[in-house]
Amino acid sequence: MEVLDVRFPTSKELDGSDAMNPDPDYSAAYVVLHADGGPDGYGLAFTIGRGNDVQAAAIRALAPHVVGRDVPEDAAALGDLSRTLVGDSQFRWLGPEKGVAHMAVGAIVNAAWDLAARRAGLPVWRFAARMTPEELVSLVDFRYLTDALTEAEALDILRRAEPGRAERAKQLETSGYRAYSTSPGWLGYADAKLVRLAEQAVADGFEMIKLKVGGNLEDDVRRMKLARETVGQDVRIAVDANQRWDVSAAVTWMTALAPYDPYWIEEPTSPDDILGHAAIAKALAPIKIATGEHVQNRVIFKQLLQADAISVLQLDAARVGGFNENLAILLLAAKFGVPVCPHAGGVGLCELVRHLSMFDFVAVSGTDADRSIEWVDHLHEHFTDPAVVERGRYLAPTAPGFSARMHDATLRRFRFPDGPEWTETASE
């Protein structure tokens, strides 16, 4: 197992800037599983700079569970690897099942899925969608979930979705999957840039854009008004506070933005505050409440759903324990009838989450109603199988694997701290 620290200087142009993260350098703790005879498997944990020091170290600490074991090729082996990594009691103490330790598990688990799918010659969404309901259920850890979702209920959800799998897969290959654009809305962008990018998003076929909010209320009202005037009434505008507010501040702020018809408010408060989200949801209805990119595990998602605290679930490919735990989260969302609109952007997240949404459509929920995947148009050129959006829709990936592999030239240039991008910056 090889781990590289890869960082991109996105803070120079304020790409990715929001109310809580004003100067992010989008980064990846990048994992390569080298298999005897090939192919290799690739995964990553997304961070925004110095956190990569800690994240890469956490991934390396799990090497004894990975190096030397048989290459996983099926659900049984992928389930066993996940249980082994999560079950390390000394490492688990740092969580349990949360934070840097759990993200390290997720990076390796996703790399293992990439490896298994490459060996099968299939993209991950197709590789997983050809598994039986019984195989899929065997991947899920139902501990802490059975008061909301039992194994029998999960099997029933998956079996109900079996008819029509082939037709839905064909639909994805023909028409892709709906996307929405965050590219116009970064908090550091000037008004003119916001307007120009919002106009471009509509021209490109997006039916929803997203704005970052939470810095200054007067500024946010002005930007929201500009965006609504630019895109008209038929295009949805979501807003994202990136955990900026307390409950009362969220209600006050969103009440001021309500005349411009926000579709959802994302991360209005701490991602751990289930009751706070529920209070905000009750106060702001019919504005939808969305969260998930910083939700640490399936247990928090379970409680958010049980408390009617969210109406949009935003799972993240690299925040929890990899594909296996995201399958549990997809099943929970299906049980509660809440649409999944994954968090993307960052480094590689668009590449990864399209597999999760497409797998969900084919094999779990069986629907794409009120669902879309976030799209941020940067850093895709660094991946060998980049996400592609045309006419506001993600194209279905066809290359084998989980789409996490970066170009060798990218790894050489942006490796921290000795890649040319960083040595040249340090010398300036």
Protein backbone atom coordinates (compact mmCIF):
# COMPACT_ATOMS: atom_id res chain seq x y z
CA MET A 1 0.00 0.00 0.00
CA GLU A 2 1.37 3.38 -1.06
CA VAL A 3 0.10 6.69 0.34
CA LEU A 4 0.83 10.07 -1.28
CA ASP A 5 0.06 13.58 -0.06
CA VAL A 6 -1.33 15.51 -3.06
CA ARG A 7 -2.32 19.18 -2.76
CA PHE A 8 -3.62 21.78 -5.22
CA PRO A 9 -3.22 25.55 -4.56
CA THR A 10 -6.90 26.38 -5.12
CA SER A 11 -6.77 29.13 -2.50
CA LYS A 12 -5.00 31.37 -5.04
CA GLU A 13 -8.26 31.93 -6.96
CA LEU A 14 -10.56 31.36 -3.95
CA ASP A 15 -12.05 28.28 -5.62
CA GLY A 16 -13.84 26.37 -2.89
CA SER A 17 -14.10 29.37 -0.56
CA ASP A 18 -17.01 29.53 1.86
CA ALA A 19 -17.98 31.06 5.20
CA MET A 20 -16.00 28.55 7.25
CA ASN A 21 -13.17 27.76 4.82
CA PRO A 22 -11.93 31.04 3.33
CA ASP A 23 -8.66 29.75 1.83
CA PRO A 24 -8.84 26.02 1.02
CA ASP A 25 -6.11 24.17 -0.84
CA TYR A 26 -8.01 21.15 -2.15
CA SER A 27 -6.00 18.06 -1.27
CA ALA A 28 -6.08 14.28 -1.28
CA ALA A 29 -4.47 11.63 0.85
CA TYR A 30 -4.07 9.30 -2.09
CA VAL A 31 -3.93 5.51 -1.74
CA VAL A 32 -2.56 2.95 -4.19
CA LEU A 33 -3.04 -0.76 -3.56
CA HIS A 34 -0.37 -2.55 -5.57
CA ALA A 35 -1.57 -6.02 -6.55
CA ASP A 36 0.76 -8.76 -7.73
CA GLY A 37 0.21 -9.04 -11.47
CA GLY A 38 -1.96 -5.90 -11.52
CA PRO A 39 -4.08 -3.96 -11.97
CA ASP A 40 -3.63 -1.65 -8.98
CA GLY A 41 -6.44 -0.05 -6.96
CA TYR A 42 -6.83 3.65 -6.21
CA GLY A 43 -8.65 5.62 -3.53
CA LEU A 44 -8.44 8.88 -1.62
CA ALA A 45 -9.55 10.91 1.36
CA PHE A 46 -10.38 14.53 0.54
CA THR A 47 -8.98 17.29 2.77
CA ILE A 48 -8.17 20.98 2.29
CA GLY A 49 -4.48 21.39 3.12
CA ARG A 50 -2.56 20.72 6.32
CA GLY A 51 -5.08 18.13 7.40
CA ASN A 52 -3.47 15.88 4.81
CA ASP A 53 -0.45 15.44 7.15
CA VAL A 54 -2.67 13.72 9.68
CA GLN A 55 -4.89 11.95 7.16
CA ALA A 56 -2.03 10.34 5.25
CA ALA A 57 -0.47 9.14 8.52
CA ALA A 58 -3.78 7.56 9.57
CA ILE A 59 -4.06 5.65 6.31
CA ARG A 60 -0.48 4.38 6.61
CA ALA A 61 -1.25 3.14 10.13
CA LEU A 62 -3.73 0.63 8.67
CA ALA A 63 -1.18 -0.98 6.35
CA PRO A 64 -0.74 -4.14 8.50
CA HIS A 65 -4.39 -5.03 7.81
CA VAL A 66 -3.95 -4.61 4.06
CA VAL A 67 -0.49 -5.60 2.89
CA GLY A 68 -0.17 -9.30 2.12
CA ARG A 69 -3.87 -10.20 2.11
CA ASP A 70 -5.57 -11.75 -0.91
CA VAL A 71 -6.84 -9.26 -3.47
CA PRO A 72 -10.59 -8.75 -2.89
CA GLU A 73 -12.72 -9.67 -5.88
CA ASP A 74 -16.25 -10.16 -4.55
CA ALA A 75 -18.72 -9.01 -1.92
CA ALA A 76 -17.49 -11.51 0.66
CA ALA A 77 -13.90 -10.27 0.47
CA LEU A 78 -14.88 -6.59 0.36
CA GLY A 79 -17.10 -7.06 3.39
CA ASP A 80 -14.35 -8.88 5.27
CA LEU A 81 -11.82 -6.12 4.55
CA SER A 82 -14.21 -3.43 5.78
CA ARG A 83 -14.98 -5.32 9.00
CA THR A 84 -11.25 -5.88 9.62
CA LEU A 85 -10.38 -2.21 9.20
CA VAL A 86 -13.32 -0.88 11.24
CA GLY A 87 -12.76 -3.53 13.89
CA ASP A 88 -9.18 -2.60 14.81
CA SER A 89 -9.92 -1.82 18.47
CA GLN A 90 -6.88 0.38 19.07
CA PHE A 91 -7.48 2.46 15.95
CA ARG A 92 -11.23 2.49 16.58
CA TRP A 93 -10.54 4.16 19.93
CA LEU A 94 -9.71 7.33 17.99
CA GLY A 95 -13.25 7.40 16.64
CA PRO A 96 -15.13 5.20 17.01
CA GLU A 97 -16.13 5.21 13.34
CA LYS A 98 -15.63 8.94 12.91
CA GLY A 99 -13.09 11.55 11.94
CA VAL A 100 -9.61 10.99 10.57
CA ALA A 101 -9.50 7.33 11.62
CA HIS A 102 -12.74 6.47 9.82
CA MET A 103 -11.85 8.47 6.72
CA ALA A 104 -8.66 6.41 6.53
CA VAL A 105 -10.78 3.25 6.51
CA GLY A 106 -12.94 4.73 3.77
CA ALA A 107 -9.99 5.58 1.54
CA ILE A 108 -8.70 2.01 1.69
CA VAL A 109 -12.13 0.42 1.30
CA ASN A 110 -12.83 2.56 -1.77
CA ALA A 111 -9.42 1.66 -3.21
CA ALA A 112 -10.30 -2.01 -2.70
CA TRP A 113 -13.59 -1.50 -4.58
CA ASP A 114 -11.63 0.20 -7.37
CA LEU A 115 -9.26 -2.77 -7.50
CA ALA A 116 -12.04 -5.37 -7.50
CA ALA A 117 -14.00 -3.53 -10.21
CA ARG A 118 -10.88 -3.14 -12.35
CA ARG A 119 -10.25 -6.88 -12.12
CA ALA A 120 -13.87 -7.46 -13.15
CA GLY A 121 -13.54 -5.04 -16.07
CA LEU A 122 -16.50 -2.93 -14.88
CA PRO A 123 -17.12 0.55 -13.49
CA VAL A 124 -17.97 0.34 -9.79
CA TRP A 125 -21.62 1.32 -10.29
CA ARG A 126 -22.12 -1.63 -12.63
CA PHE A 127 -19.91 -3.97 -10.59
CA ALA A 128 -22.02 -3.35 -7.46
CA ALA A 129 -25.35 -3.36 -9.33
CA ARG A 130 -24.77 -6.88 -10.62
CA MET A 131 -24.53 -8.24 -7.05
CA THR A 132 -27.52 -10.03 -5.61
CA PRO A 133 -29.55 -8.45 -2.80
CA GLU A 134 -28.09 -11.05 -0.46
CA GLU A 135 -24.52 -10.13 -1.44
CA LEU A 136 -25.23 -6.43 -1.02
CA VAL A 137 -26.79 -6.91 2.41
CA SER A 138 -23.71 -8.90 3.49
CA LEU A 139 -21.63 -5.76 2.95
CA VAL A 140 -23.58 -3.71 5.50
CA ASP A 141 -22.85 -3.45 9.22
CA PHE A 142 -26.31 -3.33 10.78
CA ARG A 143 -25.00 -2.77 14.30
CA TYR A 144 -26.66 0.39 15.70
CA LEU A 145 -29.17 0.48 12.80
CA THR A 146 -31.79 -2.14 13.60
CA ASP A 147 -34.12 0.27 15.40
CA ALA A 148 -34.46 2.02 12.04
CA LEU A 149 -33.46 -0.54 9.40
CA THR A 150 -33.24 -4.31 9.79
CA GLU A 151 -31.45 -6.74 7.51
CA ALA A 152 -34.83 -8.10 6.40
CA GLU A 153 -36.05 -4.60 5.49
CA ALA A 154 -32.86 -3.93 3.56
CA LEU A 155 -33.29 -7.16 1.63
CA ASP A 156 -36.87 -6.20 0.81
CA ILE A 157 -35.74 -2.78 -0.50
CA LEU A 158 -33.11 -4.38 -2.73
CA ARG A 159 -35.42 -7.12 -3.98
CA ARG A 160 -38.10 -4.57 -4.90
CA ALA A 161 -35.50 -2.77 -7.01
CA GLU A 162 -34.37 -5.91 -8.88
CA PRO A 163 -36.99 -5.70 -11.64
CA GLY A 164 -35.92 -3.04 -14.10
CA ARG A 165 -32.23 -2.98 -13.20
CA ALA A 166 -31.16 -3.51 -16.80
CA GLU A 167 -33.53 -0.86 -18.12
CA ARG A 168 -32.36 1.73 -15.60
CA ALA A 169 -28.72 0.98 -16.39
CA LYS A 170 -29.46 1.49 -20.07
CA GLN A 171 -31.21 4.77 -19.26
CA LEU A 172 -28.07 6.00 -17.47
CA GLU A 173 -25.89 5.07 -20.41
CA THR A 174 -28.24 6.93 -22.76
CA SER A 175 -29.26 9.97 -20.70
CA GLY A 176 -26.87 10.23 -17.77
CA TYR A 177 -27.80 11.55 -14.31
CA ARG A 178 -29.00 15.04 -13.36
CA ALA A 179 -26.37 17.48 -12.02
CA TYR A 180 -26.51 20.86 -10.32
CA SER A 181 -23.74 23.47 -10.37
CA THR A 182 -21.94 25.01 -7.40
CA SER A 183 -19.35 26.70 -9.61
CA PRO A 184 -21.08 30.15 -9.66
CA GLY A 185 -21.53 30.45 -5.93
CA TRP A 186 -18.19 30.51 -4.09
CA LEU A 187 -18.24 33.14 -1.37
CA GLY A 188 -15.02 34.83 -2.51
CA TYR A 189 -16.32 35.54 -6.02
CA ALA A 190 -17.22 39.11 -7.04
CA ASP A 191 -20.83 39.84 -8.04
CA ALA A 192 -19.94 40.12 -11.73
CA LYS A 193 -18.31 36.70 -11.67
CA LEU A 194 -21.33 35.22 -9.89
CA VAL A 195 -23.67 36.61 -12.55
CA ARG A 196 -21.48 35.48 -15.43
CA LEU A 197 -21.12 31.95 -14.09
CA ALA A 198 -24.83 31.68 -13.22
CA GLU A 199 -25.75 32.68 -16.76
CA GLN A 200 -23.29 30.12 -18.08
CA ALA A 201 -24.73 27.39 -15.85
CA VAL A 202 -28.24 27.96 -17.19
CA ALA A 203 -26.93 28.03 -20.76
CA ASP A 204 -25.16 24.72 -20.06
CA GLY A 205 -28.44 23.06 -19.09
CA PHE A 206 -28.29 23.06 -15.29
CA GLU A 207 -31.67 23.24 -13.59
CA MET A 208 -30.21 24.24 -10.21
CA ILE A 209 -27.26 26.29 -8.95
CA LYS A 210 -25.92 26.70 -5.41
CA LEU A 211 -24.61 29.75 -3.57
CA LYS A 212 -22.42 29.85 -0.48
CA VAL A 213 -23.85 32.02 2.31
CA GLY A 214 -23.09 32.87 5.92
CA GLY A 215 -20.42 35.54 5.71
CA ASN A 216 -22.52 38.71 5.88
CA LEU A 217 -26.31 38.85 5.76
CA GLU A 218 -26.50 42.03 3.70
CA ASP A 219 -24.06 40.59 1.17
CA ASP A 220 -25.98 37.33 1.01
CA VAL A 221 -29.31 39.06 0.35
CA ARG A 222 -27.71 41.09 -2.44
CA ARG A 223 -26.05 38.01 -4.00
CA MET A 224 -29.22 35.93 -3.73
CA LYS A 225 -31.25 38.69 -5.36
CA LEU A 226 -28.69 38.96 -8.18
CA ALA A 227 -28.70 35.21 -8.71
CA ARG A 228 -32.51 35.02 -8.82
CA GLU A 229 -32.71 37.91 -11.29
CA THR A 230 -30.06 36.20 -13.42
CA VAL A 231 -31.50 32.68 -13.60
CA GLY A 232 -35.22 33.48 -13.41
CA GLN A 233 -37.94 31.69 -11.46
CA ASP A 234 -37.69 28.29 -13.15
CA VAL A 235 -34.14 27.47 -12.01
CA ARG A 236 -33.68 26.29 -8.44
CA ILE A 237 -31.19 28.06 -6.19
CA ALA A 238 -29.85 26.13 -3.20
CA VAL A 239 -27.78 27.84 -0.52
CA ASP A 240 -25.03 26.42 1.68
CA ALA A 241 -23.89 27.86 5.04
CA ASN A 242 -21.13 25.30 5.70
CA GLN A 243 -22.09 24.94 9.41
CA ARG A 244 -21.82 28.67 10.07
CA TRP A 245 -24.85 29.27 12.31
CA ASP A 246 -26.52 28.45 15.57
CA VAL A 247 -30.17 27.41 15.29
CA SER A 248 -31.65 30.87 15.85
CA ALA A 249 -29.20 32.51 13.46
CA ALA A 250 -30.05 29.96 10.77
CA VAL A 251 -33.76 30.74 11.07
CA THR A 252 -33.19 34.51 11.05
CA TRP A 253 -30.78 34.39 8.09
CA MET A 254 -32.91 32.09 5.97
CA THR A 255 -36.06 34.09 6.70
CA ALA A 256 -34.28 37.06 5.14
CA LEU A 257 -33.38 34.99 2.05
CA ALA A 258 -36.81 33.34 1.77
CA PRO A 259 -38.28 35.98 -0.64
CA TYR A 260 -35.85 34.70 -3.28
CA ASP A 261 -37.14 31.14 -3.03
CA PRO A 262 -34.14 29.09 -1.85
CA TYR A 263 -34.67 25.41 -2.62
CA TRP A 264 -32.64 24.10 0.31
CA ILE A 265 -30.35 25.35 3.04
CA GLU A 266 -27.32 23.09 3.33
CA GLU A 267 -25.34 22.57 6.52
CA PRO A 268 -27.13 25.34 8.46
CA THR A 269 -25.49 24.30 11.74
CA SER A 270 -23.19 21.69 13.27
CA PRO A 271 -23.44 18.38 11.39
CA ASP A 272 -23.66 16.59 14.74
CA ASP A 273 -26.69 18.56 15.95
CA ILE A 274 -29.65 16.35 15.07
CA LEU A 275 -32.16 18.24 17.22
CA GLY A 276 -30.89 21.59 15.92
CA HIS A 277 -31.50 20.47 12.34
CA ALA A 278 -34.97 19.28 13.32
CA ALA A 279 -35.79 22.66 14.87
CA ILE A 280 -34.54 24.52 11.80
CA ALA A 281 -36.53 22.23 9.51
CA LYS A 282 -39.72 22.88 11.46
CA ALA A 283 -39.17 26.65 11.51
CA LEU A 284 -38.24 27.05 7.83
CA ALA A 285 -40.63 24.66 6.07
CA PRO A 286 -41.18 24.44 3.11
CA ILE A 287 -37.48 25.30 2.56
CA LYS A 288 -35.68 21.98 2.54
CA ILE A 289 -32.87 21.11 4.96
CA ALA A 290 -29.86 19.30 3.50
CA THR A 291 -26.72 17.96 5.11
CA GLY A 292 -24.26 15.09 4.94
CA GLU A 293 -20.81 16.01 3.71
CA HIS A 294 -19.52 16.19 7.31
CA VAL A 295 -21.85 13.58 8.80
CA GLN A 296 -19.45 11.09 10.30
CA ASN A 297 -21.21 7.76 9.98
CA ARG A 298 -24.42 5.84 9.34
CA VAL A 299 -25.58 6.35 12.95
CA ILE A 300 -25.82 10.13 12.65
CA PHE A 301 -27.64 9.76 9.33
CA LYS A 302 -30.03 7.32 10.99
CA GLN A 303 -30.89 9.86 13.69
CA LEU A 304 -31.29 12.75 11.23
CA LEU A 305 -33.80 10.64 9.34
CA GLN A 306 -35.61 9.42 12.45
CA ALA A 307 -35.98 13.00 13.70
CA ASP A 308 -37.35 14.34 10.37
CA ALA A 309 -34.39 16.73 10.51
CA ILE A 310 -33.43 16.60 6.83
CA SER A 311 -35.34 16.42 3.57
CA VAL A 312 -32.23 15.96 1.38
CA LEU A 313 -29.43 13.53 2.29
CA GLN A 314 -25.97 14.50 1.06
CA LEU A 315 -23.69 11.52 1.50
CA ASP A 316 -19.98 11.90 0.78
CA ALA A 317 -17.82 9.26 -0.89
CA ALA A 318 -14.77 9.97 1.28
CA ARG A 319 -16.17 10.99 4.69
CA VAL A 320 -17.49 7.67 6.01
CA GLY A 321 -16.11 4.12 5.82
CA GLY A 322 -16.18 3.79 2.05
CA PHE A 323 -18.63 2.12 -0.33
CA ASN A 324 -19.86 -0.36 2.29
CA GLU A 325 -21.07 2.26 4.75
CA ASN A 326 -22.46 4.42 1.98
CA LEU A 327 -24.55 1.43 0.92
CA ALA A 328 -25.99 1.38 4.44
CA ILE A 329 -26.76 5.11 4.16
CA LEU A 330 -28.43 4.64 0.76
CA LEU A 331 -30.61 1.92 2.25
CA LEU A 332 -31.56 4.15 5.18
CA ALA A 333 -32.52 6.94 2.77
CA ALA A 334 -34.62 4.50 0.74
CA LYS A 335 -36.36 3.26 3.89
CA PHE A 336 -37.28 6.82 4.93
CA GLY A 337 -38.09 8.01 1.40
CA VAL A 338 -35.55 10.85 1.45
CA PRO A 339 -33.77 11.73 -1.81
CA VAL A 340 -29.98 11.47 -1.96
CA CYS A 341 -28.08 14.37 -3.57
CA PRO A 342 -24.40 13.64 -2.89
CA HIS A 343 -21.78 16.16 -1.93
CA ALA A 344 -19.15 16.48 -4.64
CA GLY A 345 -16.53 18.95 -5.87
CA GLY A 346 -13.27 18.85 -3.98
CA VAL A 347 -10.62 16.49 -5.31
CA GLY A 348 -12.13 13.44 -6.97
CA LEU A 349 -15.52 13.57 -5.27
CA CYS A 350 -17.40 14.19 -8.53
CA GLU A 351 -15.56 11.21 -9.98
CA LEU A 352 -16.54 8.96 -7.06
CA VAL A 353 -20.08 9.94 -6.14
CA ARG A 354 -21.49 9.51 -9.65
CA HIS A 355 -20.92 5.78 -9.12
CA LEU A 356 -22.87 5.87 -5.84
CA SER A 357 -25.86 7.76 -7.28
CA MET A 358 -26.01 5.59 -10.38
CA PHE A 359 -25.76 2.41 -8.33
CA ASP A 360 -28.54 3.71 -6.08
CA PHE A 361 -30.76 4.40 -9.09
CA VAL A 362 -30.17 0.97 -10.59
CA ALA A 363 -30.14 -1.29 -7.52
CA VAL A 364 -31.40 0.46 -4.36
CA SER A 365 -33.98 3.26 -4.63
CA GLY A 366 -34.86 2.62 -8.28
CA THR A 367 -35.66 6.30 -8.80
CA ASP A 368 -33.93 9.55 -9.71
CA ALA A 369 -36.86 11.79 -8.72
CA ASP A 370 -35.71 15.00 -6.96
CA ARG A 371 -32.15 13.70 -7.07
CA SER A 372 -29.07 15.34 -8.53
CA ILE A 373 -25.30 15.27 -8.05
CA GLU A 374 -23.27 18.35 -7.23
CA TRP A 375 -20.94 19.53 -10.00
CA VAL A 376 -17.90 21.76 -9.53
CA ASP A 377 -15.89 22.33 -12.67
CA HIS A 378 -12.29 22.11 -11.54
CA LEU A 379 -9.46 19.58 -11.09
CA HIS A 380 -11.09 16.89 -13.26
CA GLU A 381 -8.19 17.04 -15.72
CA HIS A 382 -5.98 15.36 -13.12
CA PHE A 383 -7.92 12.06 -13.29
CA THR A 384 -7.56 9.31 -15.85
CA ASP A 385 -11.36 8.77 -15.89
CA PRO A 386 -12.70 12.26 -15.22
CA ALA A 387 -16.33 13.04 -14.52
CA VAL A 388 -18.03 14.59 -17.54
CA VAL A 389 -21.21 16.68 -17.48
CA GLU A 390 -23.07 17.52 -20.67
CA ARG A 391 -26.33 19.48 -20.90
CA GLY A 392 -26.58 19.48 -17.14
CA ARG A 393 -26.20 15.71 -16.72
CA TYR A 394 -23.39 13.44 -15.57
CA LEU A 395 -22.42 10.90 -18.20
CA ALA A 396 -22.27 7.33 -16.95
CA PRO A 397 -18.66 6.16 -16.47
CA THR A 398 -17.70 3.16 -18.58
CA ALA A 399 -14.05 2.60 -17.62
CA PRO A 400 -13.35 -0.15 -15.07
CA GLY A 401 -12.93 0.96 -11.46
CA PHE A 402 -14.04 3.76 -9.13
CA SER A 403 -12.50 6.60 -11.21
CA ALA A 404 -10.10 7.68 -8.45
CA ARG A 405 -6.82 7.24 -10.33
CA MET A 406 -4.80 10.41 -10.94
CA HIS A 407 -2.33 10.93 -13.78
CA ASP A 408 1.28 10.17 -12.90
CA ALA A 409 2.27 13.67 -14.05
CA THR A 410 -0.22 15.16 -11.56
CA LEU A 411 1.22 13.09 -8.73
CA ARG A 412 4.73 14.24 -9.55
CA ARG A 413 3.84 17.93 -9.84
CA PHE A 414 1.44 18.34 -6.91
CA ARG A 415 2.93 15.91 -4.39
CA PHE A 416 3.53 17.71 -1.10
CA PRO A 417 6.02 18.97 -0.02
CA ASP A 418 8.53 18.05 -2.73
CA GLY A 419 6.50 18.42 -5.96
CA PRO A 420 7.48 21.32 -8.25
CA GLU A 421 4.19 23.12 -7.56
CA TRP A 422 5.18 23.46 -3.90
CA THR A 423 8.95 23.81 -4.15
CA GLU A 424 8.54 26.60 -6.70
CA THR A 425 5.93 28.33 -4.52
CA ALA A 426 8.21 28.12 -1.50
CA SER A 427 11.06 29.75 -3.43
CA GLU A 428 8.97 32.74 -4.57
